[in-house]
Amino acid sequence: MNTKQITLLHSNDMHGDFLADHVDDKLTGGVSMLSGYLTKCRNEDPNVIYAIAGDMFRGSVIDSEFQGLSTIQIVNLLAPDVVTLGNHETDYGVAHLLFLEKMATFPIINANLYIKQNDTRLFRPCYVMEIDGMKILFIGILTEDVISQTKGEKLIGSFIGIQEAAQEVGKICNAYNAMDIDLTVLLTHIGFEEDKKLAALLDPDWGVDIIIGGHSHTFLDEPAVVNGIPIVQAGTGTDQIGRFDLVINTDDNCVASYKWQAVPINEENCPEDERIEELIGSIKEKTDLKYAKVVANFDYDLEHHDRWAQTELGGVFADAMKESLGVDVFLMGSGSVRKYHMGPIVTFQDFTECYPYDGKSYGLKLTGAQLKKALLHIYRDDAWLGDHTEFYQLSKGMHVIYHRPLRQLLKCELNGENIEDDKIYTVGIQEYHYNNLPEFLNLSYEEVKANGEPRVLTTSDVQTLLEYFANNKHLGFGLDGRLEVVQ
């Protein structure tokens, strides 16, 4: 048996996490030390591959201020061998993403975004890399959330189901197997649980060896193995990098053995890269003056510890929108709040990193029955798995008790009174969620419009929130029982 060795390094969900932090008196994370580790590995072994499984963008002012241009500059210096798209790569629009692709010095792959009119793919679906006489096939699969993010892109389509994704993987593998592929890697951005479902559907004869995923920000001690395929992620940000040390059987085109680990990116393991330090320093100088101003004062550091729970920080955002827009209820998308905590002093940088999305908010007229129907959909069983469902922060005045085993609302009140099925309530919702009412809230546009035409209440959530914070100091309410879940 003839064998060769490969080191396969991987990141996912970096989200603009470019700067190192001090954790337990140790400098941790940041792209400078990440680049230092990559350079160290490349110098030690010529057979090193680095792949990124989506979501390079969003999460820092360095990214958002320049709409991804700075991110591409930085990632170019990391020199990945291949990158697949995540859902946040479409945040600045598909046209802008295609512009950013032209700036990238690395291949970007995705098998399932296409132009509807003629089914033309927007990106190459896969990439074959040759290293030390071996051929490595990478296939890019994107999360189903992209179909939500691109609802405004009338000409863009996507397949979104796991079954369809598996079929597409089969087509690509069948087309390339004749090329003597030694290793096949799926670079996905569909979440850890979906990766396991996808692996179970793959025909072993297609030859998929590894799934490197993203989207669910999953930290692992060891790979999950489904259908003989190891599945891994590297958490989120730049605090760690995934590492496969592979022995490839080049006679039978398969993995003879492997070892996987999550390597911490810190000053003990990783030298700094002066090129990246200089680039980030020059970008940061341009953003510091603008983003250092104080925009809010909270009573204390408010937490958003769990995207699938009612939180203090999420509640403050929901309250700000409710009071500013004058609705009875505001449903604030939990995923809009991107930081785990914020305060007590909030700078514009803190705010922007916490709430990076700007857009419209809509006012809907819903019957009490429709509002309850939406809540039951939000709290369905999938919500508690922490993957692929939209969750919402309730504004003040709401009191909901949900019985999870019975799948029932035991209580649904507004300002101490039962929400009545036939009564009309005004409900505020962000544009992204309005564009996805059927999927996210189980409400059709027809049934909502029957109560009155939805209307735009603000064209800028960010301006609305900042104005509220400027005029309301010392915010913080404690967890006041807006949502209780009976287990």
Protein backbone atom coordinates (compact mmCIF):
# COMPACT_ATOMS: atom_id res chain seq x y z
CA MET A 1 0.00 0.00 0.00
CA ASN A 2 1.40 3.37 -1.07
CA THR A 3 0.60 6.22 1.29
CA LYS A 4 1.20 9.95 1.57
CA GLN A 5 0.52 12.42 4.35
CA ILE A 6 -1.53 15.63 4.31
CA THR A 7 -2.22 18.20 7.01
CA LEU A 8 -5.68 19.72 6.45
CA LEU A 9 -6.33 22.87 8.52
CA HIS A 10 -9.75 24.49 8.67
CA SER A 11 -11.69 27.45 10.07
CA ASN A 12 -15.35 28.46 9.98
CA ASP A 13 -17.54 31.35 11.15
CA MET A 14 -14.66 33.77 11.62
CA HIS A 15 -17.15 36.68 11.58
CA GLY A 16 -14.53 39.41 11.38
CA ASP A 17 -12.81 38.19 14.56
CA PHE A 18 -9.53 39.79 13.56
CA LEU A 19 -8.13 41.06 16.87
CA ALA A 20 -6.57 39.06 19.70
CA ASP A 21 -8.01 39.19 23.23
CA HIS A 22 -6.54 38.50 26.63
CA VAL A 23 -8.11 35.34 28.07
CA ASP A 24 -6.81 34.13 31.44
CA ASP A 25 -3.79 36.43 31.06
CA LYS A 26 -2.99 34.82 27.72
CA LEU A 27 -3.19 36.53 24.32
CA THR A 28 -5.73 34.47 22.35
CA GLY A 29 -7.13 34.50 18.83
CA GLY A 30 -6.85 37.09 16.09
CA VAL A 31 -5.78 36.67 12.48
CA SER A 32 -2.17 37.71 13.15
CA MET A 33 -1.48 34.65 15.31
CA LEU A 34 -3.73 32.50 13.11
CA SER A 35 -1.56 33.49 10.15
CA GLY A 36 1.53 32.77 12.24
CA TYR A 37 0.30 29.24 12.94
CA LEU A 38 -0.50 28.66 9.27
CA THR A 39 2.97 29.86 8.25
CA LYS A 40 4.57 27.67 10.89
CA CYS A 41 2.71 24.58 9.59
CA ARG A 42 3.50 25.39 5.97
CA ASN A 43 7.19 25.76 6.77
CA GLU A 44 7.25 22.43 8.63
CA ASP A 45 5.46 20.41 5.94
CA PRO A 46 4.86 21.13 2.23
CA ASN A 47 1.64 19.06 2.22
CA VAL A 48 -0.52 21.57 4.12
CA ILE A 49 -3.99 22.67 3.00
CA TYR A 50 -6.06 25.42 4.62
CA ALA A 51 -9.84 25.62 4.02
CA ILE A 52 -12.55 27.96 5.33
CA ALA A 53 -16.15 26.71 5.70
CA GLY A 54 -18.04 29.97 5.36
CA ASP A 55 -18.97 33.17 7.22
CA MET A 56 -15.80 35.18 6.94
CA PHE A 57 -17.96 38.33 7.08
CA ARG A 58 -19.89 40.22 9.77
CA GLY A 59 -19.21 40.61 13.46
CA SER A 60 -16.74 43.51 13.59
CA VAL A 61 -16.61 47.14 12.49
CA ILE A 62 -13.46 46.35 10.52
CA ASP A 63 -15.68 44.20 8.29
CA SER A 64 -18.93 46.19 8.26
CA GLU A 65 -17.38 49.64 7.76
CA PHE A 66 -15.84 48.51 4.48
CA GLN A 67 -18.57 46.02 3.54
CA GLY A 68 -16.25 43.06 3.39
CA LEU A 69 -13.46 44.70 1.38
CA SER A 70 -11.14 44.75 4.39
CA THR A 71 -12.02 41.13 5.18
CA ILE A 72 -11.01 39.99 1.71
CA GLN A 73 -7.72 41.88 2.05
CA ILE A 74 -7.00 40.17 5.36
CA VAL A 75 -8.07 36.68 4.23
CA ASN A 76 -5.93 37.07 1.11
CA LEU A 77 -2.93 37.29 3.43
CA LEU A 78 -4.04 34.08 5.20
CA ALA A 79 -3.89 32.47 1.73
CA PRO A 80 -6.54 29.75 2.11
CA ASP A 81 -6.48 27.09 -0.57
CA VAL A 82 -10.27 27.03 -0.86
CA VAL A 83 -13.27 28.75 0.74
CA THR A 84 -16.98 27.98 0.62
CA LEU A 85 -19.75 30.50 1.13
CA GLY A 86 -21.65 30.99 4.38
CA ASN A 87 -25.00 32.71 4.73
CA HIS A 88 -23.38 35.97 5.87
CA GLU A 89 -21.35 36.22 2.67
CA THR A 90 -24.62 37.39 1.04
CA ASP A 91 -25.32 40.12 3.64
CA TYR A 92 -24.08 42.93 1.42
CA GLY A 93 -25.99 41.64 -1.60
CA VAL A 94 -25.19 39.03 -4.21
CA ALA A 95 -23.87 41.62 -6.69
CA HIS A 96 -21.44 42.92 -4.05
CA LEU A 97 -20.40 39.36 -3.24
CA LEU A 98 -19.51 38.77 -6.88
CA PHE A 99 -17.40 41.96 -6.74
CA LEU A 100 -15.64 40.70 -3.59
CA GLU A 101 -14.97 37.38 -5.32
CA LYS A 102 -12.98 39.26 -7.96
CA MET A 103 -10.79 40.68 -5.19
CA ALA A 104 -10.13 37.26 -3.65
CA THR A 105 -6.86 35.50 -4.50
CA PHE A 106 -8.34 32.18 -3.41
CA PRO A 107 -11.07 30.03 -5.02
CA ILE A 108 -14.62 30.40 -3.67
CA ILE A 109 -16.88 27.40 -4.24
CA ASN A 110 -20.61 26.87 -3.92
CA ALA A 111 -22.76 24.23 -5.62
CA ASN A 112 -26.23 25.61 -5.05
CA LEU A 113 -26.60 29.32 -5.84
CA TYR A 114 -27.78 29.85 -9.40
CA ILE A 115 -29.45 32.31 -11.77
CA LYS A 116 -33.10 31.29 -12.13
CA GLN A 117 -33.54 32.20 -15.79
CA ASN A 118 -31.07 29.66 -17.15
CA ASP A 119 -29.92 27.67 -14.09
CA THR A 120 -26.38 29.05 -14.40
CA ARG A 121 -24.35 28.62 -11.23
CA LEU A 122 -23.00 31.82 -9.68
CA PHE A 123 -19.82 30.11 -8.46
CA ARG A 124 -17.81 27.07 -9.35
CA PRO A 125 -19.39 24.13 -7.47
CA CYS A 126 -16.13 22.44 -6.59
CA TYR A 127 -12.39 22.74 -6.74
CA VAL A 128 -9.75 20.12 -7.48
CA MET A 129 -6.42 20.81 -5.81
CA GLU A 130 -3.27 18.94 -6.70
CA ILE A 131 -0.61 18.46 -4.03
CA ASP A 132 2.32 16.03 -4.00
CA GLY A 133 0.84 14.10 -6.92
CA MET A 134 -2.54 13.73 -5.19
CA LYS A 135 -5.86 15.19 -6.29
CA ILE A 136 -8.14 16.63 -3.58
CA LEU A 137 -11.79 17.38 -4.46
CA PHE A 138 -13.59 20.08 -2.44
CA ILE A 139 -17.37 20.59 -2.82
CA GLY A 140 -19.15 23.64 -1.34
CA ILE A 141 -22.66 23.39 0.14
CA LEU A 142 -24.40 26.40 1.71
CA THR A 143 -26.94 26.63 4.54
CA GLU A 144 -30.63 26.80 3.69
CA ASP A 145 -30.66 30.24 5.39
CA VAL A 146 -29.25 31.75 2.21
CA ILE A 147 -32.65 31.47 0.58
CA SER A 148 -33.95 33.74 3.35
CA GLN A 149 -31.10 36.21 3.03
CA THR A 150 -31.54 36.60 -0.72
CA LYS A 151 -35.34 36.95 -0.93
CA GLY A 152 -34.85 40.40 -2.47
CA GLU A 153 -32.68 38.94 -5.23
CA LYS A 154 -35.40 38.09 -7.71
CA LEU A 155 -33.05 36.45 -10.20
CA ILE A 156 -31.21 34.24 -7.71
CA GLY A 157 -32.33 30.77 -6.68
CA SER A 158 -31.01 28.00 -4.48
CA PHE A 159 -31.79 24.41 -3.63
CA ILE A 160 -32.18 24.17 0.13
CA GLY A 161 -33.08 20.63 1.15
CA ILE A 162 -30.68 18.04 2.53
CA GLN A 163 -31.99 15.46 0.05
CA GLU A 164 -31.24 17.82 -2.84
CA ALA A 165 -27.83 18.63 -1.41
CA ALA A 166 -26.98 14.93 -1.21
CA GLN A 167 -28.07 14.43 -4.82
CA GLU A 168 -25.89 17.35 -5.94
CA VAL A 169 -22.90 15.92 -4.08
CA GLY A 170 -23.50 12.61 -5.86
CA LYS A 171 -23.58 14.29 -9.27
CA ILE A 172 -20.30 16.09 -8.66
CA CYS A 173 -18.56 13.03 -7.23
CA ASN A 174 -19.70 10.90 -10.16
CA ALA A 175 -18.40 13.52 -12.59
CA TYR A 176 -14.95 13.70 -10.97
CA ASN A 177 -14.33 10.15 -9.72
CA ALA A 178 -12.80 9.21 -13.04
CA MET A 179 -10.01 11.75 -12.38
CA ASP A 180 -8.38 9.50 -9.76
CA ILE A 181 -9.46 11.67 -6.81
CA ASP A 182 -7.47 10.72 -3.70
CA LEU A 183 -9.50 12.67 -1.11
CA THR A 184 -13.01 14.19 -1.26
CA VAL A 185 -13.96 16.89 1.25
CA LEU A 186 -17.35 18.53 1.66
CA LEU A 187 -17.05 22.15 2.82
CA THR A 188 -20.52 22.86 4.19
CA HIS A 189 -22.27 25.68 5.99
CA ILE A 190 -25.47 24.00 7.09
CA GLY A 191 -24.98 23.35 10.81
CA PHE A 192 -23.62 20.34 12.71
CA GLU A 193 -26.92 18.45 13.02
CA GLU A 194 -27.65 18.93 9.31
CA ASP A 195 -24.14 17.74 8.47
CA LYS A 196 -24.92 14.46 10.23
CA LYS A 197 -28.17 14.11 8.28
CA LEU A 198 -26.35 14.83 5.04
CA ALA A 199 -23.61 12.28 5.78
CA ALA A 200 -26.23 9.59 6.38
CA LEU A 201 -27.64 10.18 2.88
CA LEU A 202 -24.34 9.92 1.01
CA ASP A 203 -23.68 6.79 -1.03
CA PRO A 204 -20.32 5.30 0.09
CA ASP A 205 -19.46 4.72 -3.58
CA TRP A 206 -19.35 8.51 -4.08
CA GLY A 207 -16.18 8.50 -2.03
CA VAL A 208 -16.81 11.40 0.35
CA ASP A 209 -14.09 11.16 3.00
CA ILE A 210 -14.59 14.19 5.29
CA ILE A 211 -17.18 16.86 6.07
CA ILE A 212 -15.85 20.19 7.36
CA GLY A 213 -18.80 22.31 8.46
CA GLY A 214 -19.90 25.64 9.88
CA HIS A 215 -22.93 27.78 10.78
CA SER A 216 -23.81 26.24 14.16
CA HIS A 217 -20.55 27.39 15.82
CA THR A 218 -19.99 23.92 17.25
CA PHE A 219 -16.95 23.25 19.44
CA LEU A 220 -15.79 19.62 19.37
CA ASP A 221 -13.38 17.43 21.27
CA GLU A 222 -13.47 14.81 18.54
CA PRO A 223 -15.17 14.27 15.18
CA ALA A 224 -18.66 12.84 14.90
CA VAL A 225 -18.59 9.86 12.55
CA VAL A 226 -21.71 9.13 10.47
CA ASN A 227 -21.80 6.62 7.63
CA GLY A 228 -18.05 6.26 8.06
CA ILE A 229 -17.47 10.00 7.44
CA PRO A 230 -15.81 12.16 10.14
CA ILE A 231 -17.64 15.48 10.62
CA VAL A 232 -15.90 18.45 12.23
CA GLN A 233 -16.20 22.17 13.00
CA ALA A 234 -13.82 24.64 14.61
CA GLY A 235 -16.27 26.58 16.79
CA THR A 236 -16.39 30.26 15.90
CA GLY A 237 -13.98 33.17 15.50
CA THR A 238 -10.21 32.74 15.45
CA ASP A 239 -9.61 31.28 18.93
CA GLN A 240 -8.89 27.85 17.47
CA ILE A 241 -8.27 26.06 14.20
CA GLY A 242 -9.22 22.52 13.24
CA ARG A 243 -6.41 20.19 12.20
CA PHE A 244 -6.56 16.85 10.37
CA ASP A 245 -3.35 14.84 10.06
CA LEU A 246 -4.21 12.41 7.30
CA VAL A 247 -2.55 9.35 5.84
CA ILE A 248 -3.87 8.82 2.30
CA ASN A 249 -3.89 5.42 0.60
CA THR A 250 -3.05 6.55 -2.94
CA ASP A 251 -3.62 3.05 -4.35
CA ASP A 252 -7.25 2.86 -3.26
CA ASN A 253 -7.91 6.64 -3.13
CA CYS A 254 -9.07 6.71 0.46
CA VAL A 255 -8.07 7.76 3.97
CA ALA A 256 -5.90 5.09 5.59
CA SER A 257 -5.89 6.84 8.98
CA TYR A 258 -6.42 10.25 10.51
CA LYS A 259 -6.01 12.27 13.67
CA TRP A 260 -8.08 15.40 14.34
CA GLN A 261 -7.70 18.07 16.98
CA ALA A 262 -8.76 21.64 17.71
CA VAL A 263 -5.58 23.69 18.09
CA PRO A 264 -5.78 26.80 20.30
CA ILE A 265 -4.60 30.00 18.63
CA ASN A 266 -2.60 31.73 21.34
CA GLU A 267 0.81 33.21 21.99
CA GLU A 268 2.15 29.86 23.21
CA ASN A 269 1.44 28.08 19.90
CA CYS A 270 1.49 30.81 17.32
CA PRO A 271 3.92 33.57 16.34
CA GLU A 272 2.42 36.87 15.15
CA ASP A 273 2.41 37.85 11.48
CA GLU A 274 3.79 41.38 11.14
CA ARG A 275 2.21 41.87 7.68
CA ILE A 276 -1.28 41.31 9.06
CA GLU A 277 -0.55 43.36 12.18
CA GLU A 278 0.37 46.29 9.95
CA LEU A 279 -2.70 45.90 7.71
CA ILE A 280 -5.14 45.62 10.62
CA GLY A 281 -3.48 48.55 12.37
CA SER A 282 -3.96 50.79 9.34
CA ILE A 283 -7.63 49.77 9.02
CA LYS A 284 -8.28 50.16 12.74
CA GLU A 285 -6.89 53.71 12.73
CA LYS A 286 -9.61 54.65 10.24
CA THR A 287 -12.41 53.13 12.32
CA ASP A 288 -11.35 54.07 15.87
CA LEU A 289 -12.32 57.76 15.75
CA LYS A 290 -15.74 57.05 14.30
CA TYR A 291 -16.59 54.13 16.57
CA ALA A 292 -15.23 55.28 19.93
CA LYS A 293 -18.15 57.57 20.82
CA VAL A 294 -20.52 56.46 23.59
CA VAL A 295 -24.05 55.76 22.35
CA ALA A 296 -25.75 54.12 25.36
CA ASN A 297 -25.57 53.61 29.11
CA PHE A 298 -26.97 50.45 30.65
CA ASP A 299 -27.34 49.83 34.37
CA TYR A 300 -24.90 46.93 34.07
CA ASP A 301 -23.48 44.47 31.55
CA LEU A 302 -26.55 42.94 29.87
CA GLU A 303 -26.34 39.37 28.57
CA HIS A 304 -27.55 37.62 25.45
CA HIS A 305 -26.21 34.25 26.53
CA ASP A 306 -28.53 32.07 24.47
CA ARG A 307 -30.06 32.83 21.09
CA TRP A 308 -32.96 30.46 21.85
CA ALA A 309 -34.02 32.07 25.14
CA GLN A 310 -35.42 35.39 26.34
CA THR A 311 -32.44 37.54 27.37
CA GLU A 312 -31.96 40.93 28.98
CA LEU A 313 -29.97 42.38 26.10
CA GLY A 314 -32.41 41.05 23.51
CA GLY A 315 -35.29 42.40 25.58
CA VAL A 316 -33.78 45.90 25.65
CA PHE A 317 -33.56 45.90 21.85
CA ALA A 318 -37.17 44.67 21.55
CA ASP A 319 -38.35 47.32 24.04
CA ALA A 320 -36.54 50.08 22.18
CA MET A 321 -38.25 49.18 18.92
CA LYS A 322 -41.68 48.74 20.54
CA GLU A 323 -41.62 52.12 22.29
CA SER A 324 -40.09 53.97 19.35
CA LEU A 325 -42.53 52.59 16.79
CA GLY A 326 -45.64 52.59 18.98
CA VAL A 327 -46.68 48.97 18.40
CA ASP A 328 -48.35 46.65 20.89
CA VAL A 329 -45.66 43.98 20.49
CA PHE A 330 -42.27 43.90 18.83
CA LEU A 331 -40.75 40.55 17.88
CA MET A 332 -36.99 41.12 17.72
CA GLY A 333 -35.09 38.41 15.88
CA SER A 334 -32.69 36.85 18.39
CA GLY A 335 -30.10 36.32 15.68
CA SER A 336 -29.93 40.08 15.11
CA VAL A 337 -28.20 40.47 18.47
CA ARG A 338 -24.70 39.21 17.73
CA LYS A 339 -22.84 39.69 21.04
CA TYR A 340 -23.14 37.61 24.18
CA HIS A 341 -23.12 40.73 26.36
CA MET A 342 -22.90 44.51 26.14
CA GLY A 343 -22.59 47.43 28.57
CA PRO A 344 -22.67 49.17 30.93
CA ILE A 345 -20.97 51.79 28.71
CA VAL A 346 -21.77 51.14 25.05
CA THR A 347 -19.63 52.64 22.30
CA PHE A 348 -20.69 52.88 18.67
CA GLN A 349 -18.28 50.01 17.98
CA ASP A 350 -19.95 47.86 20.66
CA PHE A 351 -23.36 48.65 19.20
CA THR A 352 -22.34 48.00 15.59
CA GLU A 353 -20.71 44.68 16.42
CA CYS A 354 -23.77 43.69 18.43
CA TYR A 355 -26.33 44.85 15.85
CA PRO A 356 -24.60 44.82 12.45
CA TYR A 357 -27.76 44.74 10.34
CA ASP A 358 -29.64 47.83 9.26
CA GLY A 359 -32.96 47.75 7.49
CA LYS A 360 -36.64 48.49 7.62
CA SER A 361 -39.16 47.35 10.20
CA TYR A 362 -42.79 46.64 9.37
CA GLY A 363 -45.98 47.04 11.33
CA LEU A 364 -48.48 44.17 10.95
CA LYS A 365 -52.05 43.90 12.13
CA LEU A 366 -52.54 40.43 13.57
CA THR A 367 -55.46 38.86 15.32
CA GLY A 368 -54.74 37.35 18.71
CA ALA A 369 -55.22 33.93 17.13
CA GLN A 370 -52.60 34.70 14.47
CA LEU A 371 -50.15 35.95 17.08
CA LYS A 372 -50.60 32.75 19.10
CA LYS A 373 -50.20 30.68 15.94
CA ALA A 374 -46.91 32.45 15.26
CA LEU A 375 -45.69 31.88 18.82
CA LEU A 376 -46.53 28.17 18.66
CA HIS A 377 -44.51 27.95 15.45
CA ILE A 378 -41.56 29.80 17.03
CA TYR A 379 -41.57 27.47 20.03
CA ARG A 380 -41.91 24.24 18.04
CA ASP A 381 -39.67 21.30 18.95
CA ASP A 382 -36.88 22.24 16.53
CA ALA A 383 -36.36 25.56 18.32
CA TRP A 384 -34.92 23.88 21.38
CA LEU A 385 -32.27 22.07 19.35
CA GLY A 386 -30.54 25.38 18.73
CA ASP A 387 -30.20 25.01 14.98
CA HIS A 388 -31.96 26.35 11.90
CA THR A 389 -34.97 28.03 13.51
CA GLU A 390 -35.70 31.70 14.06
CA PHE A 391 -36.30 32.72 17.66
CA TYR A 392 -37.65 36.05 18.91
CA GLN A 393 -37.15 38.37 21.86
CA LEU A 394 -40.49 39.55 23.27
CA SER A 395 -41.03 43.22 24.11
CA LYS A 396 -42.19 44.30 27.54
CA GLY A 397 -45.81 43.74 28.46
CA MET A 398 -45.79 40.23 27.00
CA HIS A 399 -46.13 37.24 29.33
CA VAL A 400 -46.04 33.84 27.68
CA ILE A 401 -45.96 30.44 29.36
CA TYR A 402 -45.24 27.62 26.93
CA HIS A 403 -45.64 23.97 27.93
CA ARG A 404 -43.05 22.16 25.90
CA PRO A 405 -44.21 18.53 26.42
CA LEU A 406 -47.83 19.48 25.60
CA ARG A 407 -46.79 21.95 22.84
CA GLN A 408 -49.33 24.43 24.23
CA LEU A 409 -49.46 28.07 25.33
CA LEU A 410 -50.63 27.93 28.93
CA LYS A 411 -50.69 31.71 29.11
CA CYS A 412 -50.46 34.47 26.55
CA GLU A 413 -50.96 37.96 27.98
CA LEU A 414 -50.27 41.54 27.03
CA ASN A 415 -50.13 44.12 29.81
CA GLY A 416 -51.74 41.71 32.24
CA GLU A 417 -54.72 40.85 30.00
CA ASN A 418 -55.32 37.71 27.97
CA ILE A 419 -54.61 38.09 24.28
CA GLU A 420 -58.01 37.61 22.66
CA ASP A 421 -58.32 35.57 19.47
CA ASP A 422 -60.57 38.05 17.65
CA LYS A 423 -58.86 41.26 18.75
CA ILE A 424 -56.41 43.05 16.42
CA TYR A 425 -52.91 43.78 17.74
CA THR A 426 -50.13 45.78 16.07
CA VAL A 427 -46.94 43.76 15.83
CA GLY A 428 -43.56 45.09 14.72
CA ILE A 429 -41.07 42.91 12.88
CA GLN A 430 -37.79 43.44 11.04
CA GLU A 431 -37.62 43.41 7.25
CA TYR A 432 -35.66 40.14 7.03
CA HIS A 433 -38.34 38.40 9.07
CA TYR A 434 -41.20 40.07 7.20
CA ASN A 435 -39.68 38.76 3.95
CA ASN A 436 -39.87 35.25 5.41
CA LEU A 437 -43.22 35.27 7.22
CA PRO A 438 -44.40 31.83 6.06
CA GLU A 439 -41.19 30.05 7.06
CA PHE A 440 -40.42 31.98 10.25
CA LEU A 441 -43.87 32.70 11.71
CA ASN A 442 -46.15 30.27 9.85
CA LEU A 443 -48.28 33.18 8.58
CA SER A 444 -49.20 33.70 4.94
CA TYR A 445 -49.11 37.20 3.47
CA GLU A 446 -52.74 36.79 2.44
CA GLU A 447 -54.02 36.16 5.97
CA VAL A 448 -51.94 39.03 7.38
CA LYS A 449 -53.06 41.51 4.70
CA ALA A 450 -56.69 40.57 5.33
CA ASN A 451 -56.43 42.61 8.56
CA GLY A 452 -54.89 45.62 6.82
CA GLU A 453 -51.91 46.36 4.62
CA PRO A 454 -48.55 46.03 6.42
CA ARG A 455 -46.58 49.26 6.39
CA VAL A 456 -43.00 50.37 6.91
CA LEU A 457 -42.59 51.95 10.34
CA THR A 458 -38.91 52.81 9.99
CA THR A 459 -36.48 52.64 7.11
CA SER A 460 -33.54 52.26 9.51
CA ASP A 461 -33.56 50.05 12.60
CA VAL A 462 -30.12 51.35 13.52
CA GLN A 463 -31.19 54.99 13.52
CA THR A 464 -34.27 54.11 15.57
CA LEU A 465 -32.28 52.18 18.16
CA LEU A 466 -29.53 54.78 18.46
CA GLU A 467 -32.07 57.58 18.94
CA TYR A 468 -33.82 55.59 21.66
CA PHE A 469 -30.57 54.81 23.47
CA ALA A 470 -29.52 58.47 23.29
CA ASN A 471 -32.71 59.53 25.08
CA ASN A 472 -33.07 56.66 27.56
CA LYS A 473 -30.20 56.15 29.99
CA HIS A 474 -29.50 53.38 32.52
CA LEU A 475 -31.38 50.66 30.68
CA GLY A 476 -31.78 47.21 32.20
CA PHE A 477 -34.81 45.40 33.52
CA GLY A 478 -33.75 41.98 34.77
CA LEU A 479 -35.32 38.80 33.49
CA ASP A 480 -38.96 39.73 34.12
CA GLY A 481 -40.71 36.51 33.13
CA ARG A 482 -41.78 37.51 29.63
CA LEU A 483 -41.23 33.92 28.53
CA GLU A 484 -41.51 30.89 30.76
CA VAL A 485 -40.94 27.41 29.35
CA VAL A 486 -42.37 24.43 31.21
CA GLN A 487 -40.12 21.45 30.56
